[in-house]
Amino acid sequence: MAIYTLKRFIANFNNKKVYYDRAFQRREAWDHENINNHMSSLSKGWALTPIVVAAATQCKEHSALLGNSACVDYFSDVLSQGFEFISLDGQNRTQGILKVFDNQVTLSGEFLDADGQLHDIENTFYKDLPQRLQDKLADSVLTVEVVENATRGNLSVI
């Protein structure tokens, strides 16, 4: 388990690196309010549930050691598409974070800035937030659990 700032999380676990397998990953379901509540919690240090991903390379190697060629093929396919990870838990949280930092959704609610000051924000894009609030959100932390020893069949159970 590792702790990431949101800035580092976005660099390491963006949509170019994380695969969302529709066979076991539910659809994106969060609305604007869910995203705002999660981002507010992140700014206050209250978002404690980890994001869970599987490392495709390590899972491929694990599957090879088990002699499971079907799983090796699955992980090889994921890797051939350029992905490094497979989302197991946290798709909605991750997509919400990415949308906020990409200025696709606005923020509303109460947020804590880097100086410990509360801000009541209304319908504001990340790029338009006060700088110290942008700083706080970028430096807010979340936990990521990376699964390395799993077969494809294990992923939906995890």
Protein backbone atom coordinates (compact mmCIF):
# COMPACT_ATOMS: atom_id res chain seq x y z
CA MET A 1 0.00 0.00 0.00
CA ALA A 2 1.34 3.42 -0.92
CA ILE A 3 0.26 6.99 -0.28
CA TYR A 4 0.09 9.34 -3.25
CA THR A 5 -0.56 13.05 -3.58
CA LEU A 6 -3.32 13.68 -6.10
CA LYS A 7 -0.75 15.23 -8.44
CA ARG A 8 1.35 12.04 -8.34
CA PHE A 9 -1.73 9.80 -8.43
CA ILE A 10 -2.91 11.45 -11.66
CA ALA A 11 0.53 10.98 -13.24
CA ASN A 12 0.66 7.30 -12.28
CA PHE A 13 -2.97 6.16 -12.54
CA ASN A 14 -4.57 8.14 -15.37
CA ASN A 15 -6.76 6.75 -18.16
CA LYS A 16 -3.74 5.99 -20.34
CA LYS A 17 -2.33 3.67 -17.66
CA VAL A 18 -5.38 2.08 -16.02
CA TYR A 19 -7.65 -0.40 -17.78
CA TYR A 20 -11.29 -0.71 -16.70
CA ASP A 21 -12.50 -4.24 -17.43
CA ARG A 22 -16.26 -4.16 -18.05
CA ALA A 23 -16.47 -7.87 -17.19
CA PHE A 24 -16.24 -7.02 -13.50
CA GLN A 25 -15.98 -3.23 -13.17
CA ARG A 26 -19.33 -1.52 -12.70
CA ARG A 27 -20.21 1.46 -14.84
CA GLU A 28 -19.29 4.99 -13.89
CA ALA A 29 -22.11 6.10 -11.62
CA TRP A 30 -21.02 9.16 -9.67
CA ASP A 31 -22.84 12.41 -10.23
CA HIS A 32 -21.59 15.94 -9.63
CA GLU A 33 -22.51 15.84 -5.92
CA ASN A 34 -20.55 12.62 -5.29
CA ILE A 35 -17.48 14.10 -6.98
CA ASN A 36 -17.75 17.31 -4.95
CA ASN A 37 -18.15 15.44 -1.67
CA HIS A 38 -15.13 13.26 -2.40
CA MET A 39 -12.96 16.22 -3.38
CA SER A 40 -14.03 18.10 -0.25
CA SER A 41 -13.12 15.04 1.83
CA LEU A 42 -9.74 14.83 0.11
CA SER A 43 -9.03 18.48 0.93
CA LYS A 44 -9.77 17.76 4.60
CA GLY A 45 -7.85 14.49 4.81
CA TRP A 46 -11.01 12.45 5.27
CA ALA A 47 -10.85 10.20 2.18
CA LEU A 48 -9.51 7.03 3.78
CA THR A 49 -10.64 4.20 1.49
CA PRO A 50 -7.86 3.01 -0.82
CA ILE A 51 -7.98 2.81 -4.59
CA VAL A 52 -7.19 -0.80 -5.61
CA VAL A 53 -5.49 -1.74 -8.88
CA ALA A 54 -3.74 -4.83 -10.22
CA ALA A 55 -0.26 -4.49 -11.74
CA ALA A 56 -0.64 -6.16 -15.14
CA THR A 57 3.04 -7.12 -15.58
CA GLN A 58 3.36 -8.75 -12.17
CA CYS A 59 0.01 -10.51 -12.51
CA LYS A 60 1.07 -11.81 -15.92
CA GLU A 61 4.28 -13.18 -14.39
CA HIS A 62 2.32 -14.72 -11.51
CA SER A 63 -0.08 -16.37 -13.96
CA ALA A 64 2.87 -17.73 -15.96
CA LEU A 65 4.36 -19.28 -12.83
CA LEU A 66 1.02 -21.00 -12.26
CA GLY A 67 1.00 -22.22 -15.87
CA ASN A 68 -2.25 -20.38 -16.56
CA SER A 69 -1.89 -19.46 -20.22
CA ALA A 70 -5.39 -17.97 -20.51
CA CYS A 71 -4.52 -15.45 -17.78
CA VAL A 72 -1.13 -14.76 -19.34
CA ASP A 73 -2.95 -13.96 -22.59
CA TYR A 74 -5.39 -11.66 -20.77
CA PHE A 75 -2.66 -9.66 -19.05
CA SER A 76 -0.60 -9.61 -22.26
CA ASP A 77 -3.58 -8.10 -24.09
CA VAL A 78 -4.01 -5.41 -21.42
CA LEU A 79 -0.29 -4.58 -21.62
CA SER A 80 -0.33 -4.52 -25.44
CA GLN A 81 -2.94 -1.76 -25.26
CA GLY A 82 -0.48 0.35 -23.26
CA PHE A 83 -2.08 -0.11 -19.85
CA GLU A 84 -0.02 -0.85 -16.74
CA PHE A 85 -2.81 -1.41 -14.24
CA ILE A 86 -6.32 -2.82 -14.04
CA SER A 87 -8.86 -1.04 -11.84
CA LEU A 88 -10.34 -3.25 -9.13
CA ASP A 89 -11.93 -0.68 -6.81
CA GLY A 90 -12.15 3.08 -7.07
CA GLN A 91 -13.19 3.76 -10.66
CA ASN A 92 -15.70 6.46 -9.69
CA ARG A 93 -13.29 8.15 -7.28
CA THR A 94 -10.49 8.05 -9.85
CA GLN A 95 -12.65 9.34 -12.70
CA GLY A 96 -13.98 12.14 -10.48
CA ILE A 97 -10.45 13.25 -9.58
CA LEU A 98 -9.36 13.14 -13.22
CA LYS A 99 -12.40 15.17 -14.33
CA VAL A 100 -11.77 17.83 -11.68
CA PHE A 101 -8.09 18.25 -12.56
CA ASP A 102 -8.91 18.25 -16.28
CA ASN A 103 -11.51 21.01 -15.71
CA GLN A 104 -14.36 18.86 -17.00
CA VAL A 105 -16.49 19.38 -13.89
CA THR A 106 -16.82 22.26 -11.46
CA LEU A 107 -16.44 22.16 -7.70
CA SER A 108 -18.98 23.34 -5.16
CA GLY A 109 -18.88 23.01 -1.39
CA GLU A 110 -16.56 23.55 1.53
CA PHE A 111 -12.85 22.96 0.90
CA LEU A 112 -9.76 23.37 3.03
CA ASP A 113 -6.80 25.17 1.45
CA ALA A 114 -3.06 24.70 2.04
CA ASP A 115 -3.09 27.33 4.80
CA GLY A 116 -5.90 25.64 6.71
CA GLN A 117 -8.50 28.18 5.59
CA LEU A 118 -11.98 27.00 4.64
CA HIS A 119 -13.42 28.15 1.32
CA ASP A 120 -17.06 27.92 0.30
CA ILE A 121 -16.75 27.30 -3.43
CA GLU A 122 -19.62 27.51 -5.87
CA ASN A 123 -19.53 26.00 -9.37
CA THR A 124 -15.82 26.71 -10.00
CA PHE A 125 -13.38 24.86 -12.24
CA TYR A 126 -10.10 23.70 -10.68
CA LYS A 127 -8.11 26.14 -12.85
CA ASP A 128 -10.16 29.04 -11.44
CA LEU A 129 -9.82 28.13 -7.75
CA PRO A 130 -7.67 30.27 -5.45
CA GLN A 131 -4.03 29.18 -5.82
CA ARG A 132 -3.70 27.91 -2.24
CA LEU A 133 -6.78 25.74 -2.73
CA GLN A 134 -5.32 24.37 -5.96
CA ASP A 135 -2.12 23.67 -4.02
CA LYS A 136 -4.02 21.83 -1.28
CA LEU A 137 -5.97 19.67 -3.71
CA ALA A 138 -2.85 18.77 -5.70
CA ASP A 139 -1.06 17.83 -2.45
CA SER A 140 -4.03 16.00 -0.88
CA VAL A 141 -3.30 12.33 -0.35
CA LEU A 142 -4.97 9.03 -1.01
CA THR A 143 -3.92 5.45 -0.60
CA VAL A 144 -3.42 3.02 -3.47
CA GLU A 145 -3.21 -0.73 -2.99
CA VAL A 146 -1.45 -2.51 -5.87
CA VAL A 147 -2.20 -6.21 -6.27
CA GLU A 148 0.66 -8.11 -7.87
CA ASN A 149 -0.08 -11.83 -7.41
CA ALA A 150 -3.47 -12.47 -8.96
CA THR A 151 -4.96 -14.31 -11.91
CA ARG A 152 -7.74 -12.83 -14.02
CA GLY A 153 -10.25 -14.90 -12.05
CA ASN A 154 -8.98 -13.38 -8.80
CA LEU A 155 -9.54 -9.81 -10.00
CA SER A 156 -13.32 -9.78 -9.72
CA VAL A 157 -13.14 -11.37 -6.28
CA ILE A 158 -10.64 -8.81 -5.03
